C-alpha atoms as a PDB file:
ATOM      1  CA  UNK A   1     -17.906  25.118 -61.764  1.00  0.00           C
ATOM      2  CA  UNK A   2     -14.404  25.892 -60.450  1.00  0.00           C
ATOM      3  CA  UNK A   3     -15.259  29.602 -60.223  1.00  0.00           C
ATOM      4  CA  UNK A   4     -18.235  29.160 -57.930  1.00  0.00           C
ATOM      5  CA  UNK A   5     -16.431  26.391 -55.932  1.00  0.00           C
ATOM      6  CA  UNK A   6     -13.612  28.833 -55.158  1.00  0.00           C
ATOM      7  CA  UNK A   7     -16.118  31.502 -54.204  1.00  0.00           C
ATOM      8  CA  UNK A   8     -17.881  29.166 -51.760  1.00  0.00           C
ATOM      9  CA  UNK A   9     -14.505  27.929 -50.386  1.00  0.00           C
ATOM     10  CA  UNK A  10     -13.349  31.498 -49.576  1.00  0.00           C
ATOM     11  CA  UNK A  11     -16.815  32.525 -48.252  1.00  0.00           C
ATOM     12  CA  UNK A  12     -17.148  29.577 -45.893  1.00  0.00           C
ATOM     13  CA  UNK A  13     -13.523  29.606 -44.807  1.00  0.00           C
ATOM     14  CA  UNK A  14     -13.615  33.362 -44.014  1.00  0.00           C
ATOM     15  CA  UNK A  15     -16.748  33.089 -41.912  1.00  0.00           C
ATOM     16  CA  UNK A  16     -15.707  29.852 -40.214  1.00  0.00           C
ATOM     17  CA  UNK A  17     -12.398  31.487 -39.165  1.00  0.00           C
ATOM     18  CA  UNK A  18     -14.297  34.523 -37.920  1.00  0.00           C
ATOM     19  CA  UNK A  19     -16.904  32.482 -36.010  1.00  0.00           C
ATOM     20  CA  UNK A  20     -14.539  29.962 -34.379  1.00  0.00           C
ATOM     21  CA  UNK A  21     -11.344  32.019 -33.885  1.00  0.00           C
ATOM     22  CA  UNK A  22     -11.525  35.772 -34.380  1.00  0.00           C
ATOM     23  CA  UNK A  23     -14.868  36.223 -32.668  1.00  0.00           C
ATOM     24  CA  UNK A  24     -13.419  34.852 -29.413  1.00  0.00           C
ATOM     25  CA  UNK A  25     -10.653  37.422 -29.488  1.00  0.00           C
ATOM     26  CA  UNK A  26     -13.310  40.002 -28.705  1.00  0.00           C
ATOM     27  CA  UNK A  27     -13.785  38.331 -25.325  1.00  0.00           C
ATOM     28  CA  UNK A  28     -10.103  38.588 -24.452  1.00  0.00           C
ATOM     29  CA  UNK A  29      -9.657  42.187 -25.644  1.00  0.00           C
ATOM     30  CA  UNK A  30     -13.059  43.851 -25.390  1.00  0.00           C
ATOM     31  CA  UNK A  31     -11.523  47.361 -25.673  1.00  0.00           C
ATOM     32  CA  UNK A  32     -10.019  46.385 -29.061  1.00  0.00           C
ATOM     33  CA  UNK A  33     -12.960  44.291 -30.290  1.00  0.00           C
ATOM     34  CA  UNK A  34     -13.808  46.434 -33.274  1.00  0.00           C
ATOM     35  CA  UNK A  35     -10.229  47.106 -34.234  1.00  0.00           C
ATOM     36  CA  UNK A  36      -9.694  43.308 -34.359  1.00  0.00           C
ATOM     37  CA  UNK A  37     -13.000  42.880 -36.257  1.00  0.00           C
ATOM     38  CA  UNK A  38     -12.256  45.708 -38.714  1.00  0.00           C
ATOM     39  CA  UNK A  39      -8.645  44.535 -39.295  1.00  0.00           C
ATOM     40  CA  UNK A  40      -9.959  41.029 -39.972  1.00  0.00           C
ATOM     41  CA  UNK A  41     -12.381  42.107 -42.658  1.00  0.00           C
ATOM     42  CA  UNK A  42      -9.966  44.598 -44.246  1.00  0.00           C
ATOM     43  CA  UNK A  43      -7.384  41.793 -44.456  1.00  0.00           C
ATOM     44  CA  UNK A  44      -9.979  39.536 -46.160  1.00  0.00           C
ATOM     45  CA  UNK A  45     -10.885  42.298 -48.557  1.00  0.00           C
ATOM     46  CA  UNK A  46      -7.194  42.826 -49.508  1.00  0.00           C
ATOM     47  CA  UNK A  47      -6.850  39.099 -50.073  1.00  0.00           C
ATOM     48  CA  UNK A  48      -9.829  38.763 -52.364  1.00  0.00           C
ATOM     49  CA  UNK A  49      -8.998  42.052 -54.169  1.00  0.00           C
ATOM     50  CA  UNK A  50      -5.594  40.629 -55.037  1.00  0.00           C
ATOM     51  CA  UNK A  51      -6.907  37.123 -55.803  1.00  0.00           C
ATOM     52  CA  UNK A  52      -9.737  38.320 -58.003  1.00  0.00           C
ATOM     53  CA  UNK A  53      -8.071  41.506 -59.265  1.00  0.00           C
ATOM     54  CA  UNK A  54      -9.143  41.217 -62.896  1.00  0.00           C
ATOM     55  CA  UNK A  55     -12.774  40.852 -61.924  1.00  0.00           C
ATOM     56  CA  UNK A  56     -12.987  43.444 -59.130  1.00  0.00           C
ATOM     57  CA  UNK A  57     -10.576  46.240 -60.110  1.00  0.00           C
ATOM     58  CA  UNK A  58     -13.005  48.134 -62.336  1.00  0.00           C
ATOM     59  CA  UNK A  59     -15.213  48.628 -59.322  1.00  0.00           C
ATOM     60  CA  UNK A  60     -12.511  49.916 -57.006  1.00  0.00           C
ATOM     61  CA  UNK A  61     -13.753  53.482 -56.798  1.00  0.00           C
ATOM     62  CA  UNK A  62     -17.318  52.372 -56.030  1.00  0.00           C
ATOM     63  CA  UNK A  63     -16.149  50.065 -53.266  1.00  0.00           C
ATOM     64  CA  UNK A  64     -13.969  52.796 -51.690  1.00  0.00           C
ATOM     65  CA  UNK A  65     -16.746  55.427 -52.050  1.00  0.00           C
ATOM     66  CA  UNK A  66     -19.414  53.202 -50.529  1.00  0.00           C
ATOM     67  CA  UNK A  67     -17.075  52.311 -47.595  1.00  0.00           C
ATOM     68  CA  UNK A  68     -16.468  55.973 -46.894  1.00  0.00           C
ATOM     69  CA  UNK A  69     -20.196  56.800 -46.989  1.00  0.00           C
ATOM     70  CA  UNK A  70     -20.920  53.882 -44.540  1.00  0.00           C
ATOM     71  CA  UNK A  71     -18.125  54.931 -42.192  1.00  0.00           C
ATOM     72  CA  UNK A  72     -19.496  58.499 -42.143  1.00  0.00           C
ATOM     73  CA  UNK A  73     -22.950  57.176 -41.285  1.00  0.00           C
ATOM     74  CA  UNK A  74     -21.441  55.060 -38.584  1.00  0.00           C
ATOM     75  CA  UNK A  75     -19.570  58.050 -37.149  1.00  0.00           C
ATOM     76  CA  UNK A  76     -22.726  60.136 -37.230  1.00  0.00           C
ATOM     77  CA  UNK A  77     -24.502  57.475 -35.181  1.00  0.00           C
ATOM     78  CA  UNK A  78     -21.467  57.113 -32.899  1.00  0.00           C
ATOM     79  CA  UNK A  79     -21.539  60.774 -31.977  1.00  0.00           C
ATOM     80  CA  UNK A  80     -25.314  60.939 -31.424  1.00  0.00           C
ATOM     81  CA  UNK A  81     -25.903  59.357 -28.054  1.00  0.00           C
ATOM     82  CA  UNK A  82     -29.663  59.036 -28.622  1.00  0.00           C
ATOM     83  CA  UNK A  83     -28.921  56.860 -31.654  1.00  0.00           C
ATOM     84  CA  UNK A  84     -26.684  54.301 -29.943  1.00  0.00           C
ATOM     85  CA  UNK A  85     -27.918  54.407 -26.309  1.00  0.00           C
ATOM     86  CA  UNK A  86     -30.042  51.224 -26.629  1.00  0.00           C
ATOM     87  CA  UNK A  87     -27.420  49.093 -28.299  1.00  0.00           C
ATOM     88  CA  UNK A  88     -25.662  46.792 -25.863  1.00  0.00           C
ATOM     89  CA  UNK A  89     -22.306  46.745 -27.529  1.00  0.00           C
ATOM     90  CA  UNK A  90     -19.762  49.441 -28.177  1.00  0.00           C
ATOM     91  CA  UNK A  91     -20.939  52.569 -30.063  1.00  0.00           C
ATOM     92  CA  UNK A  92     -17.905  52.229 -32.338  1.00  0.00           C
ATOM     93  CA  UNK A  93     -19.447  49.117 -33.882  1.00  0.00           C
ATOM     94  CA  UNK A  94     -21.422  51.182 -36.400  1.00  0.00           C
ATOM     95  CA  UNK A  95     -18.290  52.734 -38.047  1.00  0.00           C
ATOM     96  CA  UNK A  96     -16.291  49.459 -38.010  1.00  0.00           C
ATOM     97  CA  UNK A  97     -19.187  47.497 -39.513  1.00  0.00           C
ATOM     98  CA  UNK A  98     -18.450  49.230 -42.817  1.00  0.00           C
ATOM     99  CA  UNK A  99     -15.380  46.951 -43.283  1.00  0.00           C
ATOM    100  CA  UNK A 100     -17.501  43.811 -42.735  1.00  0.00           C
ATOM    101  CA  UNK A 101     -19.888  44.996 -45.504  1.00  0.00           C
ATOM    102  CA  UNK A 102     -16.852  45.922 -47.705  1.00  0.00           C
ATOM    103  CA  UNK A 103     -15.691  42.306 -47.676  1.00  0.00           C
ATOM    104  CA  UNK A 104     -19.255  40.989 -48.178  1.00  0.00           C
ATOM    105  CA  UNK A 105     -20.109  43.337 -51.018  1.00  0.00           C
ATOM    106  CA  UNK A 106     -16.770  42.573 -52.745  1.00  0.00           C
ATOM    107  CA  UNK A 107     -17.641  38.876 -52.484  1.00  0.00           C
ATOM    108  CA  UNK A 108     -21.208  39.579 -53.709  1.00  0.00           C
ATOM    109  CA  UNK A 109     -19.800  41.475 -56.712  1.00  0.00           C
ATOM    110  CA  UNK A 110     -17.296  38.646 -57.482  1.00  0.00           C
ATOM    111  CA  UNK A 111     -20.104  36.062 -57.227  1.00  0.00           C
ATOM    112  CA  UNK A 112     -22.342  37.934 -59.616  1.00  0.00           C
ATOM    113  CA  UNK A 113     -19.514  38.511 -62.114  1.00  0.00           C
ATOM    114  CA  UNK A 114     -18.616  34.785 -61.993  1.00  0.00           C
ATOM    115  CA  UNK A 115     -22.232  33.759 -62.592  1.00  0.00           C
ATOM    116  CA  UNK A 116     -22.442  36.193 -65.527  1.00  0.00           C
ATOM    117  CA  UNK A 117     -19.381  34.485 -67.013  1.00  0.00           C
ATOM    118  CA  UNK A 118     -20.947  31.054 -66.484  1.00  0.00           C
ATOM    119  CA  UNK A 119     -24.492  31.855 -67.668  1.00  0.00           C
ATOM    120  CA  UNK A 120     -23.589  34.567 -70.137  1.00  0.00           C
ATOM    121  CA  UNK A 121     -26.710  36.192 -71.576  1.00  0.00           C
ATOM    122  CA  UNK A 122     -28.904  33.676 -69.688  1.00  0.00           C
ATOM    123  CA  UNK A 123     -27.883  35.057 -66.251  1.00  0.00           C
ATOM    124  CA  UNK A 124     -30.764  36.017 -64.108  1.00  0.00           C
ATOM    125  CA  UNK A 125     -30.734  37.875 -60.725  1.00  0.00           C
ATOM    126  CA  UNK A 126     -32.200  34.868 -58.937  1.00  0.00           C
ATOM    127  CA  UNK A 127     -29.048  32.838 -59.761  1.00  0.00           C
ATOM    128  CA  UNK A 128     -27.063  34.894 -57.301  1.00  0.00           C
ATOM    129  CA  UNK A 129     -30.021  34.967 -54.859  1.00  0.00           C
ATOM    130  CA  UNK A 130     -29.718  31.136 -54.648  1.00  0.00           C
ATOM    131  CA  UNK A 131     -25.960  31.304 -54.193  1.00  0.00           C
ATOM    132  CA  UNK A 132     -26.211  33.900 -51.449  1.00  0.00           C
ATOM    133  CA  UNK A 133     -28.986  31.846 -49.735  1.00  0.00           C
ATOM    134  CA  UNK A 134     -26.783  28.754 -49.786  1.00  0.00           C
ATOM    135  CA  UNK A 135     -23.854  30.809 -48.401  1.00  0.00           C
ATOM    136  CA  UNK A 136     -25.959  31.696 -45.333  1.00  0.00           C
ATOM    137  CA  UNK A 137     -27.263  28.219 -44.476  1.00  0.00           C
ATOM    138  CA  UNK A 138     -24.583  27.534 -41.786  1.00  0.00           C
ATOM    139  CA  UNK A 139     -26.170  30.299 -39.705  1.00  0.00           C
ATOM    140  CA  UNK A 140     -28.876  27.710 -38.794  1.00  0.00           C
ATOM    141  CA  UNK A 141     -26.190  25.906 -36.735  1.00  0.00           C
ATOM    142  CA  UNK A 142     -25.139  28.919 -34.657  1.00  0.00           C
ATOM    143  CA  UNK A 143     -26.953  28.642 -31.315  1.00  0.00           C
ATOM    144  CA  UNK A 144     -26.525  32.288 -30.456  1.00  0.00           C
ATOM    145  CA  UNK A 145     -28.017  33.646 -33.728  1.00  0.00           C
ATOM    146  CA  UNK A 146     -31.406  35.282 -33.236  1.00  0.00           C
ATOM    147  CA  UNK A 147     -34.019  35.309 -36.005  1.00  0.00           C
ATOM    148  CA  UNK A 148     -31.786  32.936 -38.039  1.00  0.00           C
ATOM    149  CA  UNK A 149     -34.560  31.307 -40.086  1.00  0.00           C
ATOM    150  CA  UNK A 150     -35.901  34.757 -41.090  1.00  0.00           C
ATOM    151  CA  UNK A 151     -32.330  35.895 -41.828  1.00  0.00           C
ATOM    152  CA  UNK A 152     -31.729  32.873 -44.135  1.00  0.00           C
ATOM    153  CA  UNK A 153     -34.769  33.731 -46.275  1.00  0.00           C
ATOM    154  CA  UNK A 154     -33.873  37.399 -46.136  1.00  0.00           C
ATOM    155  CA  UNK A 155     -30.467  36.465 -47.690  1.00  0.00           C
ATOM    156  CA  UNK A 156     -32.317  34.959 -50.718  1.00  0.00           C
ATOM    157  CA  UNK A 157     -34.182  38.196 -51.500  1.00  0.00           C
ATOM    158  CA  UNK A 158     -31.171  40.371 -50.588  1.00  0.00           C
ATOM    159  CA  UNK A 159     -29.075  38.469 -53.073  1.00  0.00           C
ATOM    160  CA  UNK A 160     -31.603  39.032 -55.778  1.00  0.00           C
ATOM    161  CA  UNK A 161     -31.836  42.765 -54.928  1.00  0.00           C
ATOM    162  CA  UNK A 162     -28.052  43.183 -54.744  1.00  0.00           C
ATOM    163  CA  UNK A 163     -27.671  41.510 -58.189  1.00  0.00           C
ATOM    164  CA  UNK A 164     -30.428  43.637 -59.726  1.00  0.00           C
ATOM    165  CA  UNK A 165     -28.890  46.838 -58.420  1.00  0.00           C
ATOM    166  CA  UNK A 166     -25.328  46.004 -59.455  1.00  0.00           C
ATOM    167  CA  UNK A 167     -26.440  44.802 -62.925  1.00  0.00           C
ATOM    168  CA  UNK A 168     -28.848  47.606 -63.762  1.00  0.00           C
ATOM    169  CA  UNK A 169     -27.464  50.848 -62.318  1.00  0.00           C
ATOM    170  CA  UNK A 170     -24.233  52.710 -63.018  1.00  0.00           C
ATOM    171  CA  UNK A 171     -23.598  53.188 -59.260  1.00  0.00           C
ATOM    172  CA  UNK A 172     -25.554  50.087 -58.335  1.00  0.00           C
ATOM    173  CA  UNK A 173     -22.728  48.671 -56.258  1.00  0.00           C
ATOM    174  CA  UNK A 174     -22.696  51.830 -54.097  1.00  0.00           C
ATOM    175  CA  UNK A 175     -26.484  51.639 -53.601  1.00  0.00           C
ATOM    176  CA  UNK A 176     -26.226  47.904 -52.838  1.00  0.00           C
ATOM    177  CA  UNK A 177     -23.411  48.406 -50.349  1.00  0.00           C
ATOM    178  CA  UNK A 178     -25.136  51.287 -48.424  1.00  0.00           C
ATOM    179  CA  UNK A 179     -28.431  49.351 -48.277  1.00  0.00           C
ATOM    180  CA  UNK A 180     -26.556  46.381 -46.973  1.00  0.00           C
ATOM    181  CA  UNK A 181     -24.918  48.485 -44.357  1.00  0.00           C
ATOM    182  CA  UNK A 182     -28.151  50.167 -43.262  1.00  0.00           C
ATOM    183  CA  UNK A 183     -29.829  46.696 -43.031  1.00  0.00           C
ATOM    184  CA  UNK A 184     -27.246  45.729 -40.425  1.00  0.00           C
ATOM    185  CA  UNK A 185     -27.885  49.006 -38.600  1.00  0.00           C
ATOM    186  CA  UNK A 186     -31.601  48.286 -38.480  1.00  0.00           C
ATOM    187  CA  UNK A 187     -31.021  44.670 -37.339  1.00  0.00           C
ATOM    188  CA  UNK A 188     -28.758  45.827 -34.568  1.00  0.00           C
ATOM    189  CA  UNK A 189     -31.410  48.276 -33.291  1.00  0.00           C
ATOM    190  CA  UNK A 190     -33.879  45.370 -33.281  1.00  0.00           C
ATOM    191  CA  UNK A 191     -31.752  42.678 -31.561  1.00  0.00           C
ATOM    192  CA  UNK A 192     -29.623  45.206 -29.606  1.00  0.00           C
ATOM    193  CA  UNK A 193     -26.492  43.084 -29.887  1.00  0.00           C
ATOM    194  CA  UNK A 194     -24.630  42.485 -33.179  1.00  0.00           C
ATOM    195  CA  UNK A 195     -23.299  39.084 -31.982  1.00  0.00           C
ATOM    196  CA  UNK A 196     -26.864  37.717 -32.130  1.00  0.00           C
ATOM    197  CA  UNK A 197     -27.265  38.435 -35.799  1.00  0.00           C
END
């Protein structure tokens, strides 16, 4: 139980700090918004990488590779005006978003590995789906979040899919990471503003 409690503590503390402190720095320094955002999630990743080193270190190359792929996709969007013209926020968002996903996918990986330790051969992909769903429930209390109810249920199925990919494919973490990143890209094209996600 300690393993999952520590996971939830880090997950909620990280997003609470982002929502109530870091997010407001964007308002004060709009020209540096994505540098601040990227730096925050890189710092979180370094922290959890060190804290959970034994669990996460065998997946280092996949995490780095998937981050590079996502940054390249973000840069491709950034330099194609027709792709970012309808998005309200800065075009650099797409490249910097890779670091947000890096932190999230590292936490997803850690959560799955912890649950596999707890449940052993009885582990099922829906176990992480439930954990991921519970981790997203606070979104319901964010007044600016658009489509939050749909997003909450989306997190349940996303957690199951991420778990399935990571557990069943050699490069499942890379596939999971890039799909997660692309899901954000599609959401931003729909809502036009990443702060409403």
